[in-house]
Amino acid sequence: MSCEHLICAQCAGPVAEGRCPTCRDARAHIHHETHGVSIQLILVALVVLALLALAATHLAH
């Protein structure tokens, strides 16, 4: 989700500009969720790697 087209109900300005505290909070909330890789994705990747390593060692014997 992007805040480019959102209009703040508090100051009637674009949320992307962050004119008031409400805009800044909304912008931070929207952009906070989209940064980086989520913990859930990292955990799933680690579980898959562990299962692959276990399968590889099982097939080697």
Protein backbone atom coordinates (compact mmCIF):
# COMPACT_ATOMS: atom_id res chain seq x y z
CA MET A 1 0.00 0.00 0.00
CA SER A 2 1.18 3.52 -0.76
CA CYS A 3 0.35 6.82 0.89
CA GLU A 4 0.77 8.85 -2.33
CA HIS A 5 -2.96 9.34 -2.92
CA LEU A 6 -4.19 9.42 0.68
CA ILE A 7 -5.58 12.67 2.07
CA CYS A 8 -5.39 13.37 5.79
CA ALA A 9 -8.72 13.95 7.55
CA GLN A 10 -6.98 16.16 10.12
CA CYS A 11 -5.22 18.73 7.90
CA ALA A 12 -6.65 17.89 4.44
CA GLY A 13 -3.13 17.61 3.04
CA PRO A 14 -1.49 14.67 1.29
CA VAL A 15 -0.35 12.06 3.82
CA ALA A 16 2.88 11.65 1.85
CA GLU A 17 3.89 15.21 2.79
CA GLY A 18 3.45 14.59 6.52
CA ARG A 19 2.14 18.06 7.38
CA CYS A 20 0.65 17.16 10.77
CA PRO A 21 1.30 14.51 13.45
CA THR A 22 -1.61 12.43 12.15
CA CYS A 23 -0.10 12.39 8.63
CA ARG A 24 3.34 11.47 9.96
CA ASP A 25 1.92 8.64 12.08
CA ALA A 26 -0.09 7.24 9.15
CA ARG A 27 2.89 7.50 6.81
CA ALA A 28 5.18 5.79 9.32
CA HIS A 29 2.63 3.01 9.88
CA ILE A 30 2.17 2.36 6.16
CA HIS A 31 5.86 2.38 5.34
CA HIS A 32 6.93 0.49 8.45
CA GLU A 33 5.08 -2.61 7.30
CA THR A 34 6.75 -2.69 3.90
CA HIS A 35 10.41 -2.39 4.86
CA GLY A 36 12.74 -5.36 4.78
CA VAL A 37 12.04 -9.05 5.01
CA SER A 38 9.48 -10.20 7.54
CA ILE A 39 10.40 -12.46 10.43
CA GLN A 40 7.83 -15.03 9.27
CA LEU A 41 9.49 -15.30 5.87
CA ILE A 42 12.91 -15.80 7.46
CA LEU A 43 11.53 -18.52 9.77
CA VAL A 44 9.87 -20.35 6.88
CA ALA A 45 13.12 -20.22 4.89
CA LEU A 46 15.06 -21.62 7.87
CA VAL A 47 12.59 -24.47 8.34
CA VAL A 48 12.77 -25.34 4.64
CA LEU A 49 16.58 -25.29 4.73
CA ALA A 50 16.60 -27.51 7.82
CA LEU A 51 14.26 -30.00 6.15
CA LEU A 52 16.40 -30.03 3.01
CA ALA A 53 19.55 -30.62 5.06
CA LEU A 54 17.84 -33.43 6.95
CA ALA A 55 16.66 -35.03 3.70
CA ALA A 56 20.13 -34.74 2.17
CA THR A 57 21.79 -36.44 5.15
CA HIS A 58 19.12 -39.15 5.21
CA LEU A 59 19.59 -39.91 1.50
CA ALA A 60 23.39 -39.98 1.84
CA HIS A 61 23.22 -42.95 4.24
